[in-house]
Amino acid sequence: MDNSMTNIEAPIKLTDGAVAQLRRLFDEKHVPEGHGLRVGIKGGGCSGFSYILGFDDKKEKDDEYMINGIKVYMEKAHALYLVGIEIDWLDGLNNRGFIFNNPNAKETCGCGTSFSA
């Protein structure tokens, strides 16, 4: 039995729009086999923290989840700030890209990629 994936419920959600866009990017960018979606945070941005979203391989500090068919890696320490977050894809006239709906954020900034906790 393969215990490499966490059996607990994923702490984040990906909307159908985000999943469709991520699958398209996996194909277009020729993401290597074994890589998954990295979701995390880093210090900086207008409000104190910025979101990390990209393709990466699994690191020692990561938890691994399967969300709507997408392999997701997230550092255990980042879960405190990301639990409950929903990642969506907008494709409108004024805004195009991934957006982060974070119920834990005390403040967000107009760019939508920065928050304070």
PDB file of N, CA and C in Angstrom:
ATOM      1  N   MET A   1       0.838  -1.185   0.000  1.00  0.00           N
ATOM      2  CA  MET A   1       0.000   0.000   0.000  1.00  0.00           C
ATOM      3  C   MET A   1       0.878   1.242   0.000  1.00  0.00           C
ATOM      4  N   ASP A   2       0.573   2.222  -0.852  1.00  0.00           N
ATOM      5  CA  ASP A   2       1.358   3.446  -0.991  1.00  0.00           C
ATOM      6  C   ASP A   2       0.867   4.477   0.011  1.00  0.00           C
ATOM      7  N   ASN A   3       1.714   4.825   0.963  1.00  0.00           N
ATOM      8  CA  ASN A   3       1.346   5.811   1.975  1.00  0.00           C
ATOM      9  C   ASN A   3       1.911   7.186   1.662  1.00  0.00           C
ATOM     10  N   SER A   4       2.298   7.456   0.431  1.00  0.00           N
ATOM     11  CA  SER A   4       2.909   8.729   0.094  1.00  0.00           C
ATOM     12  C   SER A   4       1.893   9.868   0.074  1.00  0.00           C
ATOM     13  N   MET A   5       0.622   9.568  -0.048  1.00  0.00           N
ATOM     14  CA  MET A   5      -0.388  10.619  -0.069  1.00  0.00           C
ATOM     15  C   MET A   5      -1.135  10.640   1.249  1.00  0.00           C
ATOM     16  N   THR A   6      -1.412  11.839   1.696  1.00  0.00           N
ATOM     17  CA  THR A   6      -2.154  12.021   2.931  1.00  0.00           C
ATOM     18  C   THR A   6      -3.597  11.614   2.716  1.00  0.00           C
ATOM     19  N   ASN A   7      -4.149  10.855   3.651  1.00  0.00           N
ATOM     20  CA  ASN A   7      -5.522  10.400   3.530  1.00  0.00           C
ATOM     21  C   ASN A   7      -6.524  11.354   4.151  1.00  0.00           C
ATOM     22  N   ILE A   8      -6.048  12.391   4.823  1.00  0.00           N
ATOM     23  CA  ILE A   8      -6.970  13.352   5.416  1.00  0.00           C
ATOM     24  C   ILE A   8      -7.484  14.307   4.344  1.00  0.00           C
ATOM     25  N   GLU A   9      -8.569  14.968   4.651  1.00  0.00           N
ATOM     26  CA  GLU A   9      -9.158  15.902   3.699  1.00  0.00           C
ATOM     27  C   GLU A   9      -8.207  17.064   3.444  1.00  0.00           C
ATOM     28  N   ALA A  10      -8.117  17.480   2.202  1.00  0.00           N
ATOM     29  CA  ALA A  10      -7.235  18.581   1.837  1.00  0.00           C
ATOM     30  C   ALA A  10      -7.693  19.867   2.511  1.00  0.00           C
ATOM     31  N   PRO A  11      -6.754  20.682   2.986  1.00  0.00           N
ATOM     32  CA  PRO A  11      -7.111  21.910   3.680  1.00  0.00           C
ATOM     33  C   PRO A  11      -7.537  23.043   2.749  1.00  0.00           C
ATOM     34  N   ILE A  12      -7.339  22.856   1.445  1.00  0.00           N
ATOM     35  CA  ILE A  12      -7.713  23.900   0.484  1.00  0.00           C
ATOM     36  C   ILE A  12      -8.661  23.332  -0.557  1.00  0.00           C
ATOM     37  N   LYS A  13      -9.292  24.232  -1.317  1.00  0.00           N
ATOM     38  CA  LYS A  13     -10.193  23.829  -2.392  1.00  0.00           C
ATOM     39  C   LYS A  13      -9.748  24.470  -3.693  1.00  0.00           C
ATOM     40  N   LEU A  14      -9.956  23.753  -4.782  1.00  0.00           N
ATOM     41  CA  LEU A  14      -9.732  24.267  -6.130  1.00  0.00           C
ATOM     42  C   LEU A  14     -11.070  24.256  -6.846  1.00  0.00           C
ATOM     43  N   THR A  15     -11.474  25.386  -7.401  1.00  0.00           N
ATOM     44  CA  THR A  15     -12.728  25.427  -8.142  1.00  0.00           C
ATOM     45  C   THR A  15     -12.558  24.693  -9.468  1.00  0.00           C
ATOM     46  N   ASP A  16     -13.674  24.399 -10.117  1.00  0.00           N
ATOM     47  CA  ASP A  16     -13.621  23.731 -11.427  1.00  0.00           C
ATOM     48  C   ASP A  16     -12.834  24.566 -12.433  1.00  0.00           C
ATOM     49  N   GLY A  17     -13.013  25.893 -12.380  1.00  0.00           N
ATOM     50  CA  GLY A  17     -12.278  26.787 -13.286  1.00  0.00           C
ATOM     51  C   GLY A  17     -10.778  26.723 -13.051  1.00  0.00           C
ATOM     52  N   ALA A  18     -10.372  26.684 -11.783  1.00  0.00           N
ATOM     53  CA  ALA A  18      -8.950  26.593 -11.450  1.00  0.00           C
ATOM     54  C   ALA A  18      -8.382  25.256 -11.915  1.00  0.00           C
ATOM     55  N   VAL A  19      -9.120  24.175 -11.706  1.00  0.00           N
ATOM     56  CA  VAL A  19      -8.663  22.847 -12.116  1.00  0.00           C
ATOM     57  C   VAL A  19      -8.478  22.790 -13.630  1.00  0.00           C
ATOM     58  N   ALA A  20      -9.431  23.327 -14.381  1.00  0.00           N
ATOM     59  CA  ALA A  20      -9.331  23.325 -15.844  1.00  0.00           C
ATOM     60  C   ALA A  20      -8.102  24.111 -16.299  1.00  0.00           C
ATOM     61  N   GLN A  21      -7.865  25.266 -15.705  1.00  0.00           N
ATOM     62  CA  GLN A  21      -6.708  26.084 -16.076  1.00  0.00           C
ATOM     63  C   GLN A  21      -5.398  25.396 -15.684  1.00  0.00           C
ATOM     64  N   LEU A  22      -5.354  24.773 -14.508  1.00  0.00           N
ATOM     65  CA  LEU A  22      -4.151  24.077 -14.072  1.00  0.00           C
ATOM     66  C   LEU A  22      -3.830  22.901 -14.985  1.00  0.00           C
ATOM     67  N   ARG A  23      -4.839  22.155 -15.398  1.00  0.00           N
ATOM     68  CA  ARG A  23      -4.606  21.026 -16.323  1.00  0.00           C
ATOM     69  C   ARG A  23      -4.050  21.533 -17.646  1.00  0.00           C
ATOM     70  N   ARG A  24      -4.587  22.663 -18.115  1.00  0.00           N
ATOM     71  CA  ARG A  24      -4.102  23.264 -19.359  1.00  0.00           C
ATOM     72  C   ARG A  24      -2.632  23.670 -19.202  1.00  0.00           C
ATOM     73  N   LEU A  25      -2.296  24.277 -18.064  1.00  0.00           N
ATOM     74  CA  LEU A  25      -0.919  24.702 -17.823  1.00  0.00           C
ATOM     75  C   LEU A  25       0.038  23.519 -17.676  1.00  0.00           C
ATOM     76  N   PHE A  26      -0.420  22.441 -17.005  1.00  0.00           N
ATOM     77  CA  PHE A  26       0.412  21.231 -16.897  1.00  0.00           C
ATOM     78  C   PHE A  26       0.825  20.771 -18.295  1.00  0.00           C
ATOM     79  N   ASP A  27      -0.130  20.767 -19.226  1.00  0.00           N
ATOM     80  CA  ASP A  27       0.152  20.319 -20.591  1.00  0.00           C
ATOM     81  C   ASP A  27       1.019  21.322 -21.351  1.00  0.00           C
ATOM     82  N   GLU A  28       0.630  22.597 -21.307  1.00  0.00           N
ATOM     83  CA  GLU A  28       1.348  23.634 -22.068  1.00  0.00           C
ATOM     84  C   GLU A  28       2.790  23.805 -21.615  1.00  0.00           C
ATOM     85  N   LYS A  29       3.017  23.728 -20.322  1.00  0.00           N
ATOM     86  CA  LYS A  29       4.354  23.961 -19.775  1.00  0.00           C
ATOM     87  C   LYS A  29       5.190  22.681 -19.709  1.00  0.00           C
ATOM     88  N   HIS A  30       4.600  21.561 -20.149  1.00  0.00           N
ATOM     89  CA  HIS A  30       5.298  20.277 -20.132  1.00  0.00           C
ATOM     90  C   HIS A  30       5.901  20.003 -18.747  1.00  0.00           C
ATOM     91  N   VAL A  31       5.050  20.108 -17.734  1.00  0.00           N
ATOM     92  CA  VAL A  31       5.480  19.892 -16.350  1.00  0.00           C
ATOM     93  C   VAL A  31       5.968  18.454 -16.214  1.00  0.00           C
ATOM     94  N   PRO A  32       7.167  18.254 -15.646  1.00  0.00           N
ATOM     95  CA  PRO A  32       7.737  16.907 -15.531  1.00  0.00           C
ATOM     96  C   PRO A  32       6.867  15.963 -14.706  1.00  0.00           C
ATOM     97  N   GLU A  33       6.944  14.703 -15.038  1.00  0.00           N
ATOM     98  CA  GLU A  33       6.243  13.647 -14.299  1.00  0.00           C
ATOM     99  C   GLU A  33       6.655  13.712 -12.829  1.00  0.00           C
ATOM    100  N   GLY A  34       5.701  13.564 -11.939  1.00  0.00           N
ATOM    101  CA  GLY A  34       5.991  13.591 -10.508  1.00  0.00           C
ATOM    102  C   GLY A  34       5.852  14.961  -9.878  1.00  0.00           C
ATOM    103  N   HIS A  35       5.845  16.009 -10.697  1.00  0.00           N
ATOM    104  CA  HIS A  35       5.646  17.346 -10.160  1.00  0.00           C
ATOM    105  C   HIS A  35       4.165  17.551  -9.867  1.00  0.00           C
ATOM    106  N   GLY A  36       3.898  18.433  -8.936  1.00  0.00           N
ATOM    107  CA  GLY A  36       2.525  18.776  -8.601  1.00  0.00           C
ATOM    108  C   GLY A  36       2.408  20.272  -8.423  1.00  0.00           C
ATOM    109  N   LEU A  37       1.255  20.692  -7.989  1.00  0.00           N
ATOM    110  CA  LEU A  37       0.995  22.104  -7.746  1.00  0.00           C
ATOM    111  C   LEU A  37       1.480  22.459  -6.347  1.00  0.00           C
ATOM    112  N   ARG A  38       2.369  23.426  -6.240  1.00  0.00           N
ATOM    113  CA  ARG A  38       2.817  23.914  -4.938  1.00  0.00           C
ATOM    114  C   ARG A  38       1.963  25.108  -4.550  1.00  0.00           C
ATOM    115  N   VAL A  39       1.359  25.012  -3.359  1.00  0.00           N
ATOM    116  CA  VAL A  39       0.579  26.102  -2.791  1.00  0.00           C
ATOM    117  C   VAL A  39       1.237  26.461  -1.468  1.00  0.00           C
ATOM    118  N   GLY A  40       1.507  27.740  -1.267  1.00  0.00           N
ATOM    119  CA  GLY A  40       2.151  28.159  -0.036  1.00  0.00           C
ATOM    120  C   GLY A  40       2.079  29.649   0.155  1.00  0.00           C
ATOM    121  N   ILE A  41       2.872  30.130   1.105  1.00  0.00           N
ATOM    122  CA  ILE A  41       2.946  31.555   1.384  1.00  0.00           C
ATOM    123  C   ILE A  41       4.409  31.946   1.541  1.00  0.00           C
ATOM    124  N   LYS A  42       4.659  33.234   1.394  1.00  0.00           N
ATOM    125  CA  LYS A  42       5.982  33.775   1.696  1.00  0.00           C
ATOM    126  C   LYS A  42       5.780  35.168   2.264  1.00  0.00           C
ATOM    127  N   GLY A  43       6.723  35.618   3.032  1.00  0.00           N
ATOM    128  CA  GLY A  43       6.663  36.966   3.577  1.00  0.00           C
ATOM    129  C   GLY A  43       6.807  37.983   2.473  1.00  0.00           C
ATOM    130  N   GLY A  44       6.079  39.090   2.601  1.00  0.00           N
ATOM    131  CA  GLY A  44       6.161  40.151   1.602  1.00  0.00           C
ATOM    132  C   GLY A  44       4.804  40.498   1.056  1.00  0.00           C
ATOM    133  N   GLY A  45       4.796  41.310   0.050  1.00  0.00           N
ATOM    134  CA  GLY A  45       3.536  41.760  -0.528  1.00  0.00           C
ATOM    135  C   GLY A  45       3.012  42.978   0.220  1.00  0.00           C
ATOM    136  N   CYS A  46       1.943  43.526  -0.257  1.00  0.00           N
ATOM    137  CA  CYS A  46       1.376  44.755   0.308  1.00  0.00           C
ATOM    138  C   CYS A  46       0.894  44.581   1.741  1.00  0.00           C
ATOM    139  N   SER A  47       0.425  43.399   2.093  1.00  0.00           N
ATOM    140  CA  SER A  47      -0.220  43.193   3.389  1.00  0.00           C
ATOM    141  C   SER A  47       0.573  42.307   4.348  1.00  0.00           C
ATOM    142  N   GLY A  48       1.731  41.816   3.973  1.00  0.00           N
ATOM    143  CA  GLY A  48       2.539  41.012   4.881  1.00  0.00           C
ATOM    144  C   GLY A  48       2.898  39.636   4.358  1.00  0.00           C
ATOM    145  N   PHE A  49       1.959  38.958   3.707  1.00  0.00           N
ATOM    146  CA  PHE A  49       2.211  37.636   3.128  1.00  0.00           C
ATOM    147  C   PHE A  49       1.740  37.638   1.679  1.00  0.00           C
ATOM    148  N   SER A  50       2.432  36.877   0.847  1.00  0.00           N
ATOM    149  CA  SER A  50       2.010  36.656  -0.532  1.00  0.00           C
ATOM    150  C   SER A  50       1.816  35.161  -0.743  1.00  0.00           C
ATOM    151  N   TYR A  51       0.930  34.818  -1.662  1.00  0.00           N
ATOM    152  CA  TYR A  51       0.681  33.412  -1.979  1.00  0.00           C
ATOM    153  C   TYR A  51       1.721  32.897  -2.961  1.00  0.00           C
ATOM    154  N   ILE A  52       2.043  31.617  -2.832  1.00  0.00           N
ATOM    155  CA  ILE A  52       2.913  30.912  -3.772  1.00  0.00           C
ATOM    156  C   ILE A  52       2.041  29.916  -4.526  1.00  0.00           C
ATOM    157  N   LEU A  53       2.150  29.920  -5.829  1.00  0.00           N
ATOM    158  CA  LEU A  53       1.415  28.976  -6.659  1.00  0.00           C
ATOM    159  C   LEU A  53       2.314  28.645  -7.840  1.00  0.00           C
ATOM    160  N   GLY A  54       2.690  27.384  -7.974  1.00  0.00           N
ATOM    161  CA  GLY A  54       3.568  26.994  -9.069  1.00  0.00           C
ATOM    162  C   GLY A  54       3.706  25.487  -9.121  1.00  0.00           C
ATOM    163  N   PHE A  55       4.500  25.003 -10.062  1.00  0.00           N
ATOM    164  CA  PHE A  55       4.727  23.581 -10.229  1.00  0.00           C
ATOM    165  C   PHE A  55       6.075  23.217  -9.626  1.00  0.00           C
ATOM    166  N   ASP A  56       6.108  22.126  -8.881  1.00  0.00           N
ATOM    167  CA  ASP A  56       7.314  21.764  -8.155  1.00  0.00           C
ATOM    168  C   ASP A  56       7.278  20.273  -7.840  1.00  0.00           C
ATOM    169  N   ASP A  57       8.413  19.747  -7.390  1.00  0.00           N
ATOM    170  CA  ASP A  57       8.422  18.375  -6.902  1.00  0.00           C
ATOM    171  C   ASP A  57       8.252  18.397  -5.387  1.00  0.00           C
ATOM    172  N   LYS A  58       7.963  17.247  -4.819  1.00  0.00           N
ATOM    173  CA  LYS A  58       7.686  17.151  -3.394  1.00  0.00           C
ATOM    174  C   LYS A  58       8.973  17.319  -2.590  1.00  0.00           C
ATOM    175  N   LYS A  59       8.887  18.095  -1.519  1.00  0.00           N
ATOM    176  CA  LYS A  59      10.004  18.318  -0.603  1.00  0.00           C
ATOM    177  C   LYS A  59       9.739  17.585   0.707  1.00  0.00           C
ATOM    178  N   GLU A  60      10.780  17.456   1.520  1.00  0.00           N
ATOM    179  CA  GLU A  60      10.685  16.714   2.776  1.00  0.00           C
ATOM    180  C   GLU A  60       9.636  17.292   3.731  1.00  0.00           C
ATOM    181  N   LYS A  61       9.469  18.608   3.750  1.00  0.00           N
ATOM    182  CA  LYS A  61       8.543  19.260   4.687  1.00  0.00           C
ATOM    183  C   LYS A  61       7.099  19.300   4.192  1.00  0.00           C
ATOM    184  N   ASP A  62       6.823  18.722   3.035  1.00  0.00           N
ATOM    185  CA  ASP A  62       5.509  18.838   2.399  1.00  0.00           C
ATOM    186  C   ASP A  62       4.520  17.772   2.842  1.00  0.00           C
ATOM    187  N   ASP A  63       3.266  18.167   2.879  1.00  0.00           N
ATOM    188  CA  ASP A  63       2.153  17.237   2.864  1.00  0.00           C
ATOM    189  C   ASP A  63       1.699  17.153   1.416  1.00  0.00           C
ATOM    190  N   GLU A  64       1.146  16.012   1.033  1.00  0.00           N
ATOM    191  CA  GLU A  64       0.681  15.810  -0.337  1.00  0.00           C
ATOM    192  C   GLU A  64      -0.805  15.499  -0.315  1.00  0.00           C
ATOM    193  N   TYR A  65      -1.548  16.144  -1.206  1.00  0.00           N
ATOM    194  CA  TYR A  65      -2.996  15.936  -1.305  1.00  0.00           C
ATOM    195  C   TYR A  65      -3.355  15.718  -2.770  1.00  0.00           C
ATOM    196  N   MET A  66      -4.452  15.039  -2.997  1.00  0.00           N
ATOM    197  CA  MET A  66      -5.006  14.917  -4.341  1.00  0.00           C
ATOM    198  C   MET A  66      -6.328  15.670  -4.306  1.00  0.00           C
ATOM    199  N   ILE A  67      -6.406  16.753  -5.078  1.00  0.00           N
ATOM    200  CA  ILE A  67      -7.595  17.602  -5.095  1.00  0.00           C
ATOM    201  C   ILE A  67      -8.117  17.659  -6.528  1.00  0.00           C
ATOM    202  N   ASN A  68      -9.287  17.100  -6.743  1.00  0.00           N
ATOM    203  CA  ASN A  68      -9.914  17.092  -8.077  1.00  0.00           C
ATOM    204  C   ASN A  68      -8.949  16.596  -9.155  1.00  0.00           C
ATOM    205  N   GLY A  69      -8.171  15.581  -8.833  1.00  0.00           N
ATOM    206  CA  GLY A  69      -7.250  15.007  -9.799  1.00  0.00           C
ATOM    207  C   GLY A  69      -5.927  15.745  -9.926  1.00  0.00           C
ATOM    208  N   ILE A  70      -5.724  16.788  -9.140  1.00  0.00           N
ATOM    209  CA  ILE A  70      -4.477  17.559  -9.169  1.00  0.00           C
ATOM    210  C   ILE A  70      -3.668  17.215  -7.918  1.00  0.00           C
ATOM    211  N   LYS A  71      -2.410  16.816  -8.114  1.00  0.00           N
ATOM    212  CA  LYS A  71      -1.522  16.553  -6.979  1.00  0.00           C
ATOM    213  C   LYS A  71      -1.061  17.895  -6.422  1.00  0.00           C
ATOM    214  N   VAL A  72      -1.270  18.113  -5.118  1.00  0.00           N
ATOM    215  CA  VAL A  72      -0.947  19.391  -4.477  1.00  0.00           C
ATOM    216  C   VAL A  72       0.056  19.152  -3.359  1.00  0.00           C
ATOM    217  N   TYR A  73       1.115  19.968  -3.355  1.00  0.00           N
ATOM    218  CA  TYR A  73       2.118  19.935  -2.290  1.00  0.00           C
ATOM    219  C   TYR A  73       2.009  21.223  -1.474  1.00  0.00           C
ATOM    220  N   MET A  74       2.090  21.068  -0.148  1.00  0.00           N
ATOM    221  CA  MET A  74       2.015  22.218   0.728  1.00  0.00           C
ATOM    222  C   MET A  74       2.868  21.963   1.960  1.00  0.00           C
ATOM    223  N   GLU A  75       3.720  22.922   2.300  1.00  0.00           N
ATOM    224  CA  GLU A  75       4.521  22.791   3.518  1.00  0.00           C
ATOM    225  C   GLU A  75       3.599  22.727   4.719  1.00  0.00           C
ATOM    226  N   LYS A  76       3.899  21.816   5.635  1.00  0.00           N
ATOM    227  CA  LYS A  76       3.078  21.638   6.834  1.00  0.00           C
ATOM    228  C   LYS A  76       2.901  22.955   7.589  1.00  0.00           C
ATOM    229  N   ALA A  77       3.946  23.762   7.688  1.00  0.00           N
ATOM    230  CA  ALA A  77       3.897  25.015   8.436  1.00  0.00           C
ATOM    231  C   ALA A  77       2.975  26.051   7.793  1.00  0.00           C
ATOM    232  N   HIS A  78       2.670  25.913   6.506  1.00  0.00           N
ATOM    233  CA  HIS A  78       1.829  26.889   5.823  1.00  0.00           C
ATOM    234  C   HIS A  78       0.338  26.620   6.023  1.00  0.00           C
ATOM    235  N   ALA A  79      -0.008  25.421   6.478  1.00  0.00           N
ATOM    236  CA  ALA A  79      -1.410  25.037   6.612  1.00  0.00           C
ATOM    237  C   ALA A  79      -2.178  25.977   7.528  1.00  0.00           C
ATOM    238  N   LEU A  80      -1.546  26.481   8.565  1.00  0.00           N
ATOM    239  CA  LEU A  80      -2.191  27.400   9.509  1.00  0.00           C
ATOM    240  C   LEU A  80      -2.784  28.606   8.779  1.00  0.00           C
ATOM    241  N   TYR A  81      -2.082  29.100   7.769  1.00  0.00           N
ATOM    242  CA  TYR A  81      -2.517  30.288   7.037  1.00  0.00           C
ATOM    243  C   TYR A  81      -3.409  29.968   5.847  1.00  0.00           C
ATOM    244  N   LEU A  82      -3.391  28.712   5.405  1.00  0.00           N
ATOM    245  CA  LEU A  82      -4.079  28.360   4.163  1.00  0.00           C
ATOM    246  C   LEU A  82      -5.318  27.487   4.342  1.00  0.00           C
ATOM    247  N   VAL A  83      -5.544  26.947   5.535  1.00  0.00           N
ATOM    248  CA  VAL A  83      -6.691  26.053   5.725  1.00  0.00           C
ATOM    249  C   VAL A  83      -7.986  26.796   5.390  1.00  0.00           C
ATOM    250  N   GLY A  84      -8.796  26.175   4.568  1.00  0.00           N
ATOM    251  CA  GLY A  84     -10.074  26.759   4.169  1.00  0.00           C
ATOM    252  C   GLY A  84     -10.014  27.625   2.928  1.00  0.00           C
ATOM    253  N   ILE A  85      -8.818  27.856   2.391  1.00  0.00           N
ATOM    254  CA  ILE A  85      -8.681  28.735   1.232  1.00  0.00           C
ATOM    255  C   ILE A  85      -9.268  28.073  -0.018  1.00  0.00           C
ATOM    256  N   GLU A  86      -9.821  28.895  -0.877  1.00  0.00           N
ATOM    257  CA  GLU A  86     -10.331  28.431  -2.168  1.00  0.00           C
ATOM    258  C   GLU A  86      -9.566  29.167  -3.257  1.00  0.00           C
ATOM    259  N   ILE A  87      -9.011  28.396  -4.188  1.00  0.00           N
ATOM    260  CA  ILE A  87      -8.297  28.976  -5.322  1.00  0.00           C
ATOM    261  C   ILE A  87      -9.206  28.876  -6.534  1.00  0.00           C
ATOM    262  N   ASP A  88      -9.403  30.011  -7.184  1.00  0.00           N
ATOM    263  CA  ASP A  88     -10.303  30.101  -8.329  1.00  0.00           C
ATOM    264  C   ASP A  88      -9.540  30.711  -9.506  1.00  0.00           C
ATOM    265  N   TRP A  89     -10.133  30.609 -10.685  1.00  0.00           N
ATOM    266  CA  TRP A  89      -9.577  31.203 -11.896  1.00  0.00           C
ATOM    267  C   TRP A  89     -10.584  32.202 -12.444  1.00  0.00           C
ATOM    268  N   LEU A  90     -10.148  33.439 -12.648  1.00  0.00           N
ATOM    269  CA  LEU A  90     -10.989  34.468 -13.263  1.00  0.00           C
ATOM    270  C   LEU A  90     -10.497  34.725 -14.675  1.00  0.00           C
ATOM    271  N   ASP A  91     -11.431  34.891 -15.583  1.00  0.00           N
ATOM    272  CA  ASP A  91     -11.088  35.174 -16.970  1.00  0.00           C
ATOM    273  C   ASP A  91     -12.017  36.263 -17.472  1.00  0.00           C
ATOM    274  N   GLY A  92     -11.922  37.439 -16.859  1.00  0.00           N
ATOM    275  CA  GLY A  92     -12.809  38.544 -17.213  1.00  0.00           C
ATOM    276  C   GLY A  92     -12.067  39.659 -17.921  1.00  0.00           C
ATOM    277  N   LEU A  93     -12.804  40.707 -18.250  1.00  0.00           N
ATOM    278  CA  LEU A  93     -12.217  41.849 -18.940  1.00  0.00           C
ATOM    279  C   LEU A  93     -11.255  42.618 -18.045  1.00  0.00           C
ATOM    280  N   ASN A  94     -11.600  42.772 -16.766  1.00  0.00           N
ATOM    281  CA  ASN A  94     -10.773  43.557 -15.849  1.00  0.00           C
ATOM    282  C   ASN A  94      -9.787  42.736 -15.038  1.00  0.00           C
ATOM    283  N   ASN A  95     -10.018  41.455 -14.934  1.00  0.00           N
ATOM    284  CA  ASN A  95      -9.182  40.630 -14.081  1.00  0.00           C
ATOM    285  C   ASN A  95      -9.039  39.247 -14.697  1.00  0.00           C
ATOM    286  N   ARG A  96      -7.797  38.793 -14.836  1.00  0.00           N
ATOM    287  CA  ARG A  96      -7.556  37.458 -15.379  1.00  0.00           C
ATOM    288  C   ARG A  96      -6.432  36.813 -14.585  1.00  0.00           C
ATOM    289  N   GLY A  97      -6.706  35.655 -14.030  1.00  0.00           N
ATOM    290  CA  GLY A  97      -5.688  34.939 -13.285  1.00  0.00           C
ATOM    291  C   GLY A  97      -6.276  34.195 -12.105  1.00  0.00           C
ATOM    292  N   PHE A  98      -5.392  33.576 -11.335  1.00  0.00           N
ATOM    293  CA  PHE A  98      -5.816  32.842 -10.160  1.00  0.00           C
ATOM    294  C   PHE A  98      -6.098  33.828  -9.036  1.00  0.00           C
ATOM    295  N   ILE A  99      -7.176  33.574  -8.292  1.00  0.00           N
ATOM    296  CA  ILE A  99      -7.495  34.382  -7.129  1.00  0.00           C
ATOM    297  C   ILE A  99      -7.602  33.470  -5.914  1.00  0.00           C
ATOM    298  N   PHE A 100      -7.359  34.039  -4.763  1.00  0.00           N
ATOM    299  CA  PHE A 100      -7.312  33.299  -3.509  1.00  0.00           C
ATOM    300  C   PHE A 100      -8.378  33.854  -2.576  1.00  0.00           C
ATOM    301  N   ASN A 101      -9.360  33.029  -2.235  1.00  0.00           N
ATOM    302  CA  ASN A 101     -10.391  33.409  -1.271  1.00  0.00           C
ATOM    303  C   ASN A 101     -10.007  32.776   0.057  1.00  0.00           C
ATOM    304  N   ASN A 102      -9.459  33.594   0.968  1.00  0.00           N
ATOM    305  CA  ASN A 102      -8.899  33.096   2.213  1.00  0.00           C
ATOM    306  C   ASN A 102      -9.732  33.567   3.403  1.00  0.00           C
ATOM    307  N   PRO A 103     -10.477  32.671   4.045  1.00  0.00           N
ATOM    308  CA  PRO A 103     -11.304  33.067   5.185  1.00  0.00           C
ATOM    309  C   PRO A 103     -10.485  33.441   6.417  1.00  0.00           C
ATOM    310  N   ASN A 104      -9.200  33.120   6.443  1.00  0.00           N
ATOM    311  CA  ASN A 104      -8.341  33.421   7.590  1.00  0.00           C
ATOM    312  C   ASN A 104      -7.680  34.786   7.498  1.00  0.00           C
ATOM    313  N   ALA A 105      -7.768  35.432   6.353  1.00  0.00           N
ATOM    314  CA  ALA A 105      -7.089  36.713   6.156  1.00  0.00           C
ATOM    315  C   ALA A 105      -7.821  37.818   6.918  1.00  0.00           C
ATOM    316  N   LYS A 106      -7.065  38.576   7.699  1.00  0.00           N
ATOM    317  CA  LYS A 106      -7.630  39.733   8.395  1.00  0.00           C
ATOM    318  C   LYS A 106      -7.788  40.893   7.430  1.00  0.00           C
ATOM    319  N   GLU A 107      -6.833  41.029   6.541  1.00  0.00           N
ATOM    320  CA  GLU A 107      -6.868  42.076   5.505  1.00  0.00           C
ATOM    321  C   GLU A 107      -6.330  41.492   4.206  1.00  0.00           C
ATOM    322  N   THR A 108      -6.861  41.976   3.109  1.00  0.00           N
ATOM    323  CA  THR A 108      -6.289  41.625   1.808  1.00  0.00           C
ATOM    324  C   THR A 108      -5.997  42.923   1.093  1.00  0.00           C
ATOM    325  N   CYS A 109      -5.257  42.836   0.030  1.00  0.00           N
ATOM    326  CA  CYS A 109      -4.906  44.040  -0.701  1.00  0.00           C
ATOM    327  C   CYS A 109      -5.591  43.990  -2.068  1.00  0.00           C
ATOM    328  N   GLY A 110      -5.615  45.109  -2.745  1.00  0.00           N
ATOM    329  CA  GLY A 110      -6.312  45.200  -4.019  1.00  0.00           C
ATOM    330  C   GLY A 110      -5.794  44.263  -5.081  1.00  0.00           C
ATOM    331  N   CYS A 111      -4.535  43.841  -4.973  1.00  0.00           N
ATOM    332  CA  CYS A 111      -3.963  42.946  -5.986  1.00  0.00           C
ATOM    333  C   CYS A 111      -4.519  41.531  -5.859  1.00  0.00           C
ATOM    334  N   GLY A 112      -5.063  41.177  -4.672  1.00  0.00           N
ATOM    335  CA  GLY A 112      -5.643  39.860  -4.471  1.00  0.00           C
ATOM    336  C   GLY A 112      -4.645  38.749  -4.239  1.00  0.00           C
ATOM    337  N   THR A 113      -3.363  39.091  -4.166  1.00  0.00           N
ATOM    338  CA  THR A 113      -2.346  38.065  -3.949  1.00  0.00           C
ATOM    339  C   THR A 113      -1.573  38.302  -2.653  1.00  0.00           C
ATOM    340  N   SER A 114      -2.046  39.221  -1.818  1.00  0.00           N
ATOM    341  CA  SER A 114      -1.376  39.547  -0.589  1.00  0.00           C
ATOM    342  C   SER A 114      -2.404  39.628   0.534  1.00  0.00           C
ATOM    343  N   PHE A 115      -1.988  39.217   1.751  1.00  0.00           N
ATOM    344  CA  PHE A 115      -2.922  39.222   2.873  1.00  0.00           C
ATOM    345  C   PHE A 115      -2.169  39.355   4.184  1.00  0.00           C
ATOM    346  N   SER A 116      -2.885  39.687   5.237  1.00  0.00           N
ATOM    347  CA  SER A 116      -2.321  39.643   6.590  1.00  0.00           C
ATOM    348  C   SER A 116      -3.140  38.686   7.412  1.00  0.00           C
ATOM    349  N   ALA A 117      -2.485  38.076   8.390  1.00  0.00           N
ATOM    350  CA  ALA A 117      -3.171  37.079   9.223  1.00  0.00           C
ATOM    351  C   ALA A 117      -3.126  37.479  10.689  1.00  0.00           C
TER     352      ALA A 117
END
